[in-house]
């Protein structure tokens, strides 16, 4: 989050945070919704320290990390998460379509 230091508060309203654990990148092993909730709290506490309560409360936090049509609902339903950043599955139109269909349910 050191990359956020020095960003004017007026620009912070345009920032979207995407969280993906390093160990989940390209592995097919996603984080758990419970851990994702804990990480969203951790992320928002850092944002709070840098930009204040209002921005921390309103800044979107997305989850990326082995999102697929089987787990998309779990992650969208997790507290503290505002959306998803779909990685490799977005490169396959059929897989991505299934993810979108499940997300709409």
PDB file of N, CA and C in Angstrom:
ATOM      1  N   UNK A   1       0.804  -1.186   0.000  1.00  0.00           N
ATOM      2  CA  UNK A   1       0.000   0.000   0.000  1.00  0.00           C
ATOM      3  C   UNK A   1       0.853   1.259   0.000  1.00  0.00           C
ATOM      4  N   UNK A   2       2.161   1.093   0.075  1.00  0.00           N
ATOM      5  CA  UNK A   2       3.042   2.251   0.037  1.00  0.00           C
ATOM      6  C   UNK A   2       2.871   3.020  -1.267  1.00  0.00           C
ATOM      7  N   UNK A   3       2.404   2.344  -2.301  1.00  0.00           N
ATOM      8  CA  UNK A   3       2.175   2.994  -3.580  1.00  0.00           C
ATOM      9  C   UNK A   3       1.070   4.030  -3.521  1.00  0.00           C
ATOM     10  N   UNK A   4       0.257   4.009  -2.474  1.00  0.00           N
ATOM     11  CA  UNK A   4      -0.826   4.981  -2.330  1.00  0.00           C
ATOM     12  C   UNK A   4      -0.369   6.251  -1.622  1.00  0.00           C
ATOM     13  N   UNK A   5       0.763   6.189  -0.951  1.00  0.00           N
ATOM     14  CA  UNK A   5       1.267   7.362  -0.231  1.00  0.00           C
ATOM     15  C   UNK A   5       1.527   8.486  -1.228  1.00  0.00           C
ATOM     16  N   UNK A   6       1.098   9.659  -0.871  1.00  0.00           N
ATOM     17  CA  UNK A   6       1.324  10.817  -1.727  1.00  0.00           C
ATOM     18  C   UNK A   6       0.232  11.080  -2.743  1.00  0.00           C
ATOM     19  N   UNK A   7      -0.721  10.170  -2.876  1.00  0.00           N
ATOM     20  CA  UNK A   7      -1.839  10.396  -3.795  1.00  0.00           C
ATOM     21  C   UNK A   7      -2.795  11.381  -3.122  1.00  0.00           C
ATOM     22  N   UNK A   8      -3.160  12.446  -3.814  1.00  0.00           N
ATOM     23  CA  UNK A   8      -4.090  13.405  -3.209  1.00  0.00           C
ATOM     24  C   UNK A   8      -5.430  12.748  -2.876  1.00  0.00           C
ATOM     25  N   UNK A   9      -5.993  13.173  -1.779  1.00  0.00           N
ATOM     26  CA  UNK A   9      -7.262  12.616  -1.317  1.00  0.00           C
ATOM     27  C   UNK A   9      -8.352  12.745  -2.380  1.00  0.00           C
ATOM     28  N   UNK A  10      -8.352  13.830  -3.135  1.00  0.00           N
ATOM     29  CA  UNK A  10      -9.385  14.028  -4.152  1.00  0.00           C
ATOM     30  C   UNK A  10      -9.298  12.974  -5.263  1.00  0.00           C
ATOM     31  N   UNK A  11      -8.134  12.417  -5.488  1.00  0.00           N
ATOM     32  CA  UNK A  11      -7.971  11.362  -6.505  1.00  0.00           C
ATOM     33  C   UNK A  11      -8.297   9.985  -5.945  1.00  0.00           C
ATOM     34  N   UNK A  12      -8.228   9.833  -4.642  1.00  0.00           N
ATOM     35  CA  UNK A  12      -8.435   8.531  -4.005  1.00  0.00           C
ATOM     36  C   UNK A  12      -9.818   7.959  -4.300  1.00  0.00           C
ATOM     37  N   UNK A  13     -10.769   8.803  -4.564  1.00  0.00           N
ATOM     38  CA  UNK A  13     -12.135   8.338  -4.852  1.00  0.00           C
ATOM     39  C   UNK A  13     -12.212   7.568  -6.170  1.00  0.00           C
ATOM     40  N   UNK A  14     -11.168   7.644  -6.978  1.00  0.00           N
ATOM     41  CA  UNK A  14     -11.122   6.937  -8.259  1.00  0.00           C
ATOM     42  C   UNK A  14     -10.344   5.618  -8.189  1.00  0.00           C
ATOM     43  N   UNK A  15      -9.858   5.273  -7.019  1.00  0.00           N
ATOM     44  CA  UNK A  15      -9.032   4.069  -6.859  1.00  0.00           C
ATOM     45  C   UNK A  15      -9.911   2.854  -6.582  1.00  0.00           C
ATOM     46  N   UNK A  16      -9.543   1.748  -7.195  1.00  0.00           N
ATOM     47  CA  UNK A  16     -10.163   0.452  -6.935  1.00  0.00           C
ATOM     48  C   UNK A  16      -9.035  -0.482  -6.506  1.00  0.00           C
ATOM     49  N   UNK A  17      -9.209  -1.151  -5.386  1.00  0.00           N
ATOM     50  CA  UNK A  17      -8.201  -2.092  -4.888  1.00  0.00           C
ATOM     51  C   UNK A  17      -8.568  -3.501  -5.336  1.00  0.00           C
ATOM     52  N   UNK A  18      -7.611  -4.206  -5.910  1.00  0.00           N
ATOM     53  CA  UNK A  18      -7.809  -5.614  -6.259  1.00  0.00           C
ATOM     54  C   UNK A  18      -6.864  -6.440  -5.394  1.00  0.00           C
ATOM     55  N   UNK A  19      -7.434  -7.386  -4.677  1.00  0.00           N
ATOM     56  CA  UNK A  19      -6.653  -8.260  -3.798  1.00  0.00           C
ATOM     57  C   UNK A  19      -6.587  -9.646  -4.417  1.00  0.00           C
ATOM     58  N   UNK A  20      -5.363 -10.157  -4.522  1.00  0.00           N
ATOM     59  CA  UNK A  20      -5.151 -11.535  -4.943  1.00  0.00           C
ATOM     60  C   UNK A  20      -3.932 -12.058  -4.206  1.00  0.00           C
ATOM     61  N   UNK A  21      -4.097 -13.118  -3.419  1.00  0.00           N
ATOM     62  CA  UNK A  21      -2.936 -13.656  -2.704  1.00  0.00           C
ATOM     63  C   UNK A  21      -1.897 -14.194  -3.694  1.00  0.00           C
ATOM     64  N   UNK A  22      -0.639 -13.958  -3.405  1.00  0.00           N
ATOM     65  CA  UNK A  22       0.431 -14.413  -4.298  1.00  0.00           C
ATOM     66  C   UNK A  22       0.347 -15.912  -4.567  1.00  0.00           C
ATOM     67  N   UNK A  23       0.018 -16.680  -3.537  1.00  0.00           N
ATOM     68  CA  UNK A  23      -0.011 -18.128  -3.692  1.00  0.00           C
ATOM     69  C   UNK A  23      -1.176 -18.608  -4.563  1.00  0.00           C
ATOM     70  N   UNK A  24      -2.142 -17.720  -4.868  1.00  0.00           N
ATOM     71  CA  UNK A  24      -3.287 -18.112  -5.692  1.00  0.00           C
ATOM     72  C   UNK A  24      -3.069 -17.813  -7.171  1.00  0.00           C
ATOM     73  N   UNK A  25      -2.066 -17.020  -7.479  1.00  0.00           N
ATOM     74  CA  UNK A  25      -1.842 -16.611  -8.866  1.00  0.00           C
ATOM     75  C   UNK A  25      -1.478 -17.821  -9.722  1.00  0.00           C
ATOM     76  N   UNK A  26      -2.330 -18.094 -10.690  1.00  0.00           N
ATOM     77  CA  UNK A  26      -2.082 -19.164 -11.647  1.00  0.00           C
ATOM     78  C   UNK A  26      -2.117 -20.575 -11.093  1.00  0.00           C
ATOM     79  N   UNK A  27      -2.597 -20.754  -9.865  1.00  0.00           N
ATOM     80  CA  UNK A  27      -2.571 -22.081  -9.253  1.00  0.00           C
ATOM     81  C   UNK A  27      -3.886 -22.836  -9.368  1.00  0.00           C
ATOM     82  N   UNK A  28      -4.983 -22.100  -9.539  1.00  0.00           N
ATOM     83  CA  UNK A  28      -6.292 -22.745  -9.515  1.00  0.00           C
ATOM     84  C   UNK A  28      -6.790 -22.972  -8.101  1.00  0.00           C
ATOM     85  N   UNK A  29      -6.056 -22.459  -7.107  1.00  0.00           N
ATOM     86  CA  UNK A  29      -6.435 -22.619  -5.700  1.00  0.00           C
ATOM     87  C   UNK A  29      -6.813 -21.251  -5.136  1.00  0.00           C
ATOM     88  N   UNK A  30      -8.113 -20.960  -5.040  1.00  0.00           N
ATOM     89  CA  UNK A  30      -8.545 -19.656  -4.546  1.00  0.00           C
ATOM     90  C   UNK A  30      -8.428 -19.528  -3.031  1.00  0.00           C
ATOM     91  N   UNK A  31      -8.496 -18.310  -2.577  1.00  0.00           N
ATOM     92  CA  UNK A  31      -8.567 -18.025  -1.150  1.00  0.00           C
ATOM     93  C   UNK A  31      -9.953 -18.447  -0.668  1.00  0.00           C
ATOM     94  N   UNK A  32     -10.163 -18.460   0.630  1.00  0.00           N
ATOM     95  CA  UNK A  32     -11.490 -18.763   1.166  1.00  0.00           C
ATOM     96  C   UNK A  32     -12.256 -17.458   1.354  1.00  0.00           C
ATOM     97  N   UNK A  33     -13.583 -17.492   1.243  1.00  0.00           N
ATOM     98  CA  UNK A  33     -14.369 -16.283   1.498  1.00  0.00           C
ATOM     99  C   UNK A  33     -14.138 -15.715   2.900  1.00  0.00           C
ATOM    100  N   UNK A  34     -13.893 -16.578   3.876  1.00  0.00           N
ATOM    101  CA  UNK A  34     -13.645 -16.122   5.241  1.00  0.00           C
ATOM    102  C   UNK A  34     -12.340 -15.330   5.328  1.00  0.00           C
ATOM    103  N   UNK A  35     -11.294 -15.848   4.709  1.00  0.00           N
ATOM    104  CA  UNK A  35     -10.023 -15.136   4.715  1.00  0.00           C
ATOM    105  C   UNK A  35     -10.124 -13.853   3.896  1.00  0.00           C
ATOM    106  N   UNK A  36     -10.883 -13.908   2.835  1.00  0.00           N
ATOM    107  CA  UNK A  36     -11.095 -12.726   2.006  1.00  0.00           C
ATOM    108  C   UNK A  36     -11.742 -11.605   2.830  1.00  0.00           C
ATOM    109  N   UNK A  37     -12.694 -11.951   3.656  1.00  0.00           N
ATOM    110  CA  UNK A  37     -13.324 -10.975   4.533  1.00  0.00           C
ATOM    111  C   UNK A  37     -12.287 -10.338   5.456  1.00  0.00           C
ATOM    112  N   UNK A  38     -11.445 -11.162   6.058  1.00  0.00           N
ATOM    113  CA  UNK A  38     -10.395 -10.652   6.945  1.00  0.00           C
ATOM    114  C   UNK A  38      -9.434  -9.735   6.196  1.00  0.00           C
ATOM    115  N   UNK A  39      -9.080 -10.109   4.973  1.00  0.00           N
ATOM    116  CA  UNK A  39      -8.164  -9.279   4.179  1.00  0.00           C
ATOM    117  C   UNK A  39      -8.826  -7.966   3.781  1.00  0.00           C
ATOM    118  N   UNK A  40     -10.123  -7.994   3.506  1.00  0.00           N
ATOM    119  CA  UNK A  40     -10.809  -6.747   3.145  1.00  0.00           C
ATOM    120  C   UNK A  40     -10.804  -5.777   4.328  1.00  0.00           C
ATOM    121  N   UNK A  41     -10.931  -6.298   5.536  1.00  0.00           N
ATOM    122  CA  UNK A  41     -10.844  -5.455   6.735  1.00  0.00           C
ATOM    123  C   UNK A  41      -9.440  -4.869   6.851  1.00  0.00           C
ATOM    124  N   UNK A  42      -8.438  -5.710   6.657  1.00  0.00           N
ATOM    125  CA  UNK A  42      -7.040  -5.267   6.720  1.00  0.00           C
ATOM    126  C   UNK A  42      -6.768  -4.174   5.693  1.00  0.00           C
ATOM    127  N   UNK A  43      -7.233  -4.385   4.471  1.00  0.00           N
ATOM    128  CA  UNK A  43      -7.046  -3.406   3.395  1.00  0.00           C
ATOM    129  C   UNK A  43      -7.735  -2.093   3.753  1.00  0.00           C
ATOM    130  N   UNK A  44      -8.958  -2.174   4.222  1.00  0.00           N
ATOM    131  CA  UNK A  44      -9.700  -0.948   4.557  1.00  0.00           C
ATOM    132  C   UNK A  44      -9.073  -0.195   5.738  1.00  0.00           C
ATOM    133  N   UNK A  45      -8.451  -0.914   6.658  1.00  0.00           N
ATOM    134  CA  UNK A  45      -7.760  -0.237   7.768  1.00  0.00           C
ATOM    135  C   UNK A  45      -6.564   0.567   7.244  1.00  0.00           C
ATOM    136  N   UNK A  46      -5.874   0.014   6.274  1.00  0.00           N
ATOM    137  CA  UNK A  46      -4.753   0.745   5.672  1.00  0.00           C
ATOM    138  C   UNK A  46      -5.270   1.975   4.933  1.00  0.00           C
ATOM    139  N   UNK A  47      -6.346   1.793   4.169  1.00  0.00           N
ATOM    140  CA  UNK A  47      -6.944   2.916   3.441  1.00  0.00           C
ATOM    141  C   UNK A  47      -7.422   3.982   4.428  1.00  0.00           C
ATOM    142  N   UNK A  48      -7.994   3.550   5.542  1.00  0.00           N
ATOM    143  CA  UNK A  48      -8.432   4.474   6.593  1.00  0.00           C
ATOM    144  C   UNK A  48      -7.264   5.318   7.085  1.00  0.00           C
ATOM    145  N   UNK A  49      -6.140   4.678   7.354  1.00  0.00           N
ATOM    146  CA  UNK A  49      -4.962   5.398   7.848  1.00  0.00           C
ATOM    147  C   UNK A  49      -4.443   6.413   6.833  1.00  0.00           C
ATOM    148  N   UNK A  50      -4.558   6.087   5.560  1.00  0.00           N
ATOM    149  CA  UNK A  50      -4.019   6.962   4.515  1.00  0.00           C
ATOM    150  C   UNK A  50      -5.005   8.064   4.128  1.00  0.00           C
ATOM    151  N   UNK A  51      -6.283   7.698   3.916  1.00  0.00           N
ATOM    152  CA  UNK A  51      -7.246   8.631   3.326  1.00  0.00           C
ATOM    153  C   UNK A  51      -8.429   9.004   4.216  1.00  0.00           C
ATOM    154  N   UNK A  52      -8.635   8.288   5.294  1.00  0.00           N
ATOM    155  CA  UNK A  52      -9.751   8.610   6.173  1.00  0.00           C
ATOM    156  C   UNK A  52     -10.927   7.662   6.026  1.00  0.00           C
ATOM    157  N   UNK A  53     -11.869   7.827   6.948  1.00  0.00           N
ATOM    158  CA  UNK A  53     -13.000   6.900   7.092  1.00  0.00           C
ATOM    159  C   UNK A  53     -13.911   6.834   5.870  1.00  0.00           C
ATOM    160  N   UNK A  54     -14.288   7.968   5.338  1.00  0.00           N
ATOM    161  CA  UNK A  54     -15.233   7.984   4.224  1.00  0.00           C
ATOM    162  C   UNK A  54     -14.687   7.251   3.001  1.00  0.00           C
ATOM    163  N   UNK A  55     -13.450   7.526   2.671  1.00  0.00           N
ATOM    164  CA  UNK A  55     -12.850   6.875   1.503  1.00  0.00           C
ATOM    165  C   UNK A  55     -12.647   5.386   1.777  1.00  0.00           C
ATOM    166  N   UNK A  56     -12.186   5.035   2.969  1.00  0.00           N
ATOM    167  CA  UNK A  56     -11.989   3.614   3.308  1.00  0.00           C
ATOM    168  C   UNK A  56     -13.295   2.840   3.215  1.00  0.00           C
ATOM    169  N   UNK A  57     -14.368   3.463   3.616  1.00  0.00           N
ATOM    170  CA  UNK A  57     -15.676   2.806   3.589  1.00  0.00           C
ATOM    171  C   UNK A  57     -16.198   2.635   2.158  1.00  0.00           C
ATOM    172  N   UNK A  58     -15.882   3.588   1.295  1.00  0.00           N
ATOM    173  CA  UNK A  58     -16.448   3.596  -0.057  1.00  0.00           C
ATOM    174  C   UNK A  58     -15.533   3.059  -1.147  1.00  0.00           C
ATOM    175  N   UNK A  59     -14.253   2.856  -0.863  1.00  0.00           N
ATOM    176  CA  UNK A  59     -13.343   2.380  -1.894  1.00  0.00           C
ATOM    177  C   UNK A  59     -13.655   0.924  -2.243  1.00  0.00           C
ATOM    178  N   UNK A  60     -13.879   0.626  -3.527  1.00  0.00           N
ATOM    179  CA  UNK A  60     -14.167  -0.751  -3.919  1.00  0.00           C
ATOM    180  C   UNK A  60     -12.964  -1.678  -3.708  1.00  0.00           C
ATOM    181  N   UNK A  61     -13.234  -2.841  -3.144  1.00  0.00           N
ATOM    182  CA  UNK A  61     -12.220  -3.886  -2.988  1.00  0.00           C
ATOM    183  C   UNK A  61     -12.704  -5.090  -3.796  1.00  0.00           C
ATOM    184  N   UNK A  62     -11.893  -5.484  -4.764  1.00  0.00           N
ATOM    185  CA  UNK A  62     -12.219  -6.615  -5.628  1.00  0.00           C
ATOM    186  C   UNK A  62     -11.363  -7.811  -5.256  1.00  0.00           C
ATOM    187  N   UNK A  63     -11.884  -9.001  -5.511  1.00  0.00           N
ATOM    188  CA  UNK A  63     -11.090 -10.214  -5.315  1.00  0.00           C
ATOM    189  C   UNK A  63     -10.745 -10.812  -6.667  1.00  0.00           C
ATOM    190  N   UNK A  64      -9.494 -11.170  -6.819  1.00  0.00           N
ATOM    191  CA  UNK A  64      -9.039 -11.907  -7.990  1.00  0.00           C
ATOM    192  C   UNK A  64      -8.188 -13.064  -7.498  1.00  0.00           C
ATOM    193  N   UNK A  65      -8.286 -14.175  -8.111  1.00  0.00           N
ATOM    194  CA  UNK A  65      -7.475 -15.318  -7.684  1.00  0.00           C
ATOM    195  C   UNK A  65      -8.222 -16.614  -7.887  1.00  0.00           C
ATOM    196  N   UNK A  66      -8.096 -17.170  -9.060  1.00  0.00           N
ATOM    197  CA  UNK A  66      -8.721 -18.453  -9.380  1.00  0.00           C
ATOM    198  C   UNK A  66     -10.244 -18.400  -9.270  1.00  0.00           C
ATOM    199  N   UNK A  67     -10.815 -17.299  -9.725  1.00  0.00           N
ATOM    200  CA  UNK A  67     -12.267 -17.171  -9.773  1.00  0.00           C
ATOM    201  C   UNK A  67     -12.784 -18.002 -10.935  1.00  0.00           C
ATOM    202  N   UNK A  68     -13.821 -18.791 -10.664  1.00  0.00           N
ATOM    203  CA  UNK A  68     -14.434 -19.602 -11.727  1.00  0.00           C
ATOM    204  C   UNK A  68     -15.942 -19.669 -11.503  1.00  0.00           C
ATOM    205  N   UNK A  69     -16.633 -20.375 -12.386  1.00  0.00           N
ATOM    206  CA  UNK A  69     -18.096 -20.435 -12.277  1.00  0.00           C
ATOM    207  C   UNK A  69     -18.564 -21.219 -11.054  1.00  0.00           C
ATOM    208  N   UNK A  70     -17.699 -21.999 -10.448  1.00  0.00           N
ATOM    209  CA  UNK A  70     -18.075 -22.780  -9.261  1.00  0.00           C
ATOM    210  C   UNK A  70     -17.962 -21.967  -7.966  1.00  0.00           C
ATOM    211  N   UNK A  71     -17.062 -20.961  -7.943  1.00  0.00           N
ATOM    212  CA  UNK A  71     -16.849 -20.219  -6.698  1.00  0.00           C
ATOM    213  C   UNK A  71     -17.234 -18.741  -6.781  1.00  0.00           C
ATOM    214  N   UNK A  72     -17.680 -18.295  -7.939  1.00  0.00           N
ATOM    215  CA  UNK A  72     -17.974 -16.876  -8.120  1.00  0.00           C
ATOM    216  C   UNK A  72     -18.997 -16.360  -7.112  1.00  0.00           C
ATOM    217  N   UNK A  73     -20.049 -17.116  -6.841  1.00  0.00           N
ATOM    218  CA  UNK A  73     -21.083 -16.665  -5.898  1.00  0.00           C
ATOM    219  C   UNK A  73     -20.520 -16.549  -4.482  1.00  0.00           C
ATOM    220  N   UNK A  74     -19.673 -17.501  -4.084  1.00  0.00           N
ATOM    221  CA  UNK A  74     -19.075 -17.455  -2.749  1.00  0.00           C
ATOM    222  C   UNK A  74     -18.324 -16.151  -2.534  1.00  0.00           C
ATOM    223  N   UNK A  75     -17.553 -15.752  -3.548  1.00  0.00           N
ATOM    224  CA  UNK A  75     -16.751 -14.543  -3.414  1.00  0.00           C
ATOM    225  C   UNK A  75     -17.597 -13.282  -3.519  1.00  0.00           C
ATOM    226  N   UNK A  76     -18.585 -13.274  -4.380  1.00  0.00           N
ATOM    227  CA  UNK A  76     -19.454 -12.104  -4.477  1.00  0.00           C
ATOM    228  C   UNK A  76     -20.299 -11.928  -3.225  1.00  0.00           C
ATOM    229  N   UNK A  77     -20.608 -13.025  -2.545  1.00  0.00           N
ATOM    230  CA  UNK A  77     -21.411 -12.964  -1.328  1.00  0.00           C
ATOM    231  C   UNK A  77     -20.581 -12.677  -0.073  1.00  0.00           C
ATOM    232  N   UNK A  78     -19.252 -12.706  -0.200  1.00  0.00           N
ATOM    233  CA  UNK A  78     -18.389 -12.463   0.955  1.00  0.00           C
ATOM    234  C   UNK A  78     -18.508 -11.011   1.405  1.00  0.00           C
ATOM    235  N   UNK A  79     -18.583 -10.809   2.701  1.00  0.00           N
ATOM    236  CA  UNK A  79     -18.636  -9.455   3.244  1.00  0.00           C
ATOM    237  C   UNK A  79     -17.335  -8.721   2.938  1.00  0.00           C
ATOM    238  N   UNK A  80     -17.464  -7.434   2.656  1.00  0.00           N
ATOM    239  CA  UNK A  80     -16.290  -6.601   2.441  1.00  0.00           C
ATOM    240  C   UNK A  80     -15.771  -6.586   1.026  1.00  0.00           C
ATOM    241  N   UNK A  81     -16.402  -7.338   0.132  1.00  0.00           N
ATOM    242  CA  UNK A  81     -15.943  -7.419  -1.252  1.00  0.00           C
ATOM    243  C   UNK A  81     -16.975  -6.769  -2.160  1.00  0.00           C
ATOM    244  N   UNK A  82     -16.494  -5.964  -3.094  1.00  0.00           N
ATOM    245  CA  UNK A  82     -17.391  -5.218  -3.974  1.00  0.00           C
ATOM    246  C   UNK A  82     -17.448  -5.764  -5.384  1.00  0.00           C
ATOM    247  N   UNK A  83     -16.648  -6.761  -5.697  1.00  0.00           N
ATOM    248  CA  UNK A  83     -16.648  -7.313  -7.048  1.00  0.00           C
ATOM    249  C   UNK A  83     -15.457  -8.228  -7.246  1.00  0.00           C
ATOM    250  N   UNK A  84     -15.271  -8.631  -8.483  1.00  0.00           N
ATOM    251  CA  UNK A  84     -14.228  -9.591  -8.813  1.00  0.00           C
ATOM    252  C   UNK A  84     -13.335  -9.083  -9.935  1.00  0.00           C
ATOM    253  N   UNK A  85     -12.112  -9.550  -9.919  1.00  0.00           N
ATOM    254  CA  UNK A  85     -11.177  -9.320 -11.004  1.00  0.00           C
ATOM    255  C   UNK A  85     -10.858 -10.714 -11.546  1.00  0.00           C
ATOM    256  N   UNK A  86     -11.497 -11.060 -12.638  1.00  0.00           N
ATOM    257  CA  UNK A  86     -11.340 -12.402 -13.201  1.00  0.00           C
ATOM    258  C   UNK A  86     -10.095 -12.418 -14.070  1.00  0.00           C
ATOM    259  N   UNK A  87      -9.207 -13.336 -13.785  1.00  0.00           N
ATOM    260  CA  UNK A  87      -7.943 -13.424 -14.510  1.00  0.00           C
ATOM    261  C   UNK A  87      -8.012 -14.367 -15.692  1.00  0.00           C
ATOM    262  N   UNK A  88      -7.312 -15.484 -15.589  1.00  0.00           N
ATOM    263  CA  UNK A  88      -7.172 -16.436 -16.692  1.00  0.00           C
ATOM    264  C   UNK A  88      -8.482 -16.928 -17.269  1.00  0.00           C
ATOM    265  N   UNK A  89      -9.489 -17.097 -16.439  1.00  0.00           N
ATOM    266  CA  UNK A  89     -10.782 -17.581 -16.935  1.00  0.00           C
ATOM    267  C   UNK A  89     -11.432 -16.589 -17.897  1.00  0.00           C
ATOM    268  N   UNK A  90     -11.041 -15.325 -17.823  1.00  0.00           N
ATOM    269  CA  UNK A  90     -11.621 -14.331 -18.729  1.00  0.00           C
ATOM    270  C   UNK A  90     -11.081 -14.468 -20.155  1.00  0.00           C
ATOM    271  N   UNK A  91     -10.018 -15.236 -20.315  1.00  0.00           N
ATOM    272  CA  UNK A  91      -9.443 -15.450 -21.646  1.00  0.00           C
ATOM    273  C   UNK A  91     -10.183 -16.514 -22.437  1.00  0.00           C
ATOM    274  N   UNK A  92     -11.028 -17.282 -21.756  1.00  0.00           N
ATOM    275  CA  UNK A  92     -11.818 -18.325 -22.393  1.00  0.00           C
ATOM    276  C   UNK A  92     -13.274 -17.848 -22.411  1.00  0.00           C
ATOM    277  N   UNK A  93     -13.801 -17.493 -23.591  1.00  0.00           N
ATOM    278  CA  UNK A  93     -15.157 -16.933 -23.654  1.00  0.00           C
ATOM    279  C   UNK A  93     -16.229 -17.810 -23.010  1.00  0.00           C
ATOM    280  N   UNK A  94     -16.129 -19.129 -23.167  1.00  0.00           N
ATOM    281  CA  UNK A  94     -17.138 -20.017 -22.578  1.00  0.00           C
ATOM    282  C   UNK A  94     -17.069 -19.995 -21.050  1.00  0.00           C
ATOM    283  N   UNK A  95     -15.850 -20.050 -20.516  1.00  0.00           N
ATOM    284  CA  UNK A  95     -15.688 -20.005 -19.063  1.00  0.00           C
ATOM    285  C   UNK A  95     -16.138 -18.664 -18.508  1.00  0.00           C
ATOM    286  N   UNK A  96     -15.761 -17.601 -19.199  1.00  0.00           N
ATOM    287  CA  UNK A  96     -16.124 -16.265 -18.733  1.00  0.00           C
ATOM    288  C   UNK A  96     -17.638 -16.067 -18.761  1.00  0.00           C
ATOM    289  N   UNK A  97     -18.281 -16.581 -19.795  1.00  0.00           N
ATOM    290  CA  UNK A  97     -19.740 -16.485 -19.883  1.00  0.00           C
ATOM    291  C   UNK A  97     -20.395 -17.205 -18.710  1.00  0.00           C
ATOM    292  N   UNK A  98     -19.881 -18.390 -18.346  1.00  0.00           N
ATOM    293  CA  UNK A  98     -20.432 -19.122 -17.199  1.00  0.00           C
ATOM    294  C   UNK A  98     -20.253 -18.331 -15.899  1.00  0.00           C
ATOM    295  N   UNK A  99     -19.105 -17.690 -15.758  1.00  0.00           N
ATOM    296  CA  UNK A  99     -18.862 -16.877 -14.570  1.00  0.00           C
ATOM    297  C   UNK A  99     -19.874 -15.737 -14.504  1.00  0.00           C
ATOM    298  N   UNK A 100     -20.080 -15.078 -15.622  1.00  0.00           N
ATOM    299  CA  UNK A 100     -21.049 -13.970 -15.664  1.00  0.00           C
ATOM    300  C   UNK A 100     -22.460 -14.453 -15.353  1.00  0.00           C
ATOM    301  N   UNK A 101     -22.826 -15.596 -15.897  1.00  0.00           N
ATOM    302  CA  UNK A 101     -24.163 -16.151 -15.635  1.00  0.00           C
ATOM    303  C   UNK A 101     -24.333 -16.458 -14.148  1.00  0.00           C
ATOM    304  N   UNK A 102     -23.331 -17.054 -13.535  1.00  0.00           N
ATOM    305  CA  UNK A 102     -23.416 -17.375 -12.110  1.00  0.00           C
ATOM    306  C   UNK A 102     -23.424 -16.105 -11.257  1.00  0.00           C
ATOM    307  N   UNK A 103     -22.699 -15.097 -11.706  1.00  0.00           N
ATOM    308  CA  UNK A 103     -22.639 -13.843 -10.966  1.00  0.00           C
ATOM    309  C   UNK A 103     -23.995 -13.141 -10.958  1.00  0.00           C
ATOM    310  N   UNK A 104     -24.764 -13.324 -11.997  1.00  0.00           N
ATOM    311  CA  UNK A 104     -26.070 -12.681 -12.089  1.00  0.00           C
ATOM    312  C   UNK A 104     -27.139 -13.358 -11.239  1.00  0.00           C
ATOM    313  N   UNK A 105     -26.892 -14.550 -10.783  1.00  0.00           N
ATOM    314  CA  UNK A 105     -27.895 -15.278  -9.982  1.00  0.00           C
ATOM    315  C   UNK A 105     -28.093 -14.662  -8.632  1.00  0.00           C
TER     316      UNK A 105
END
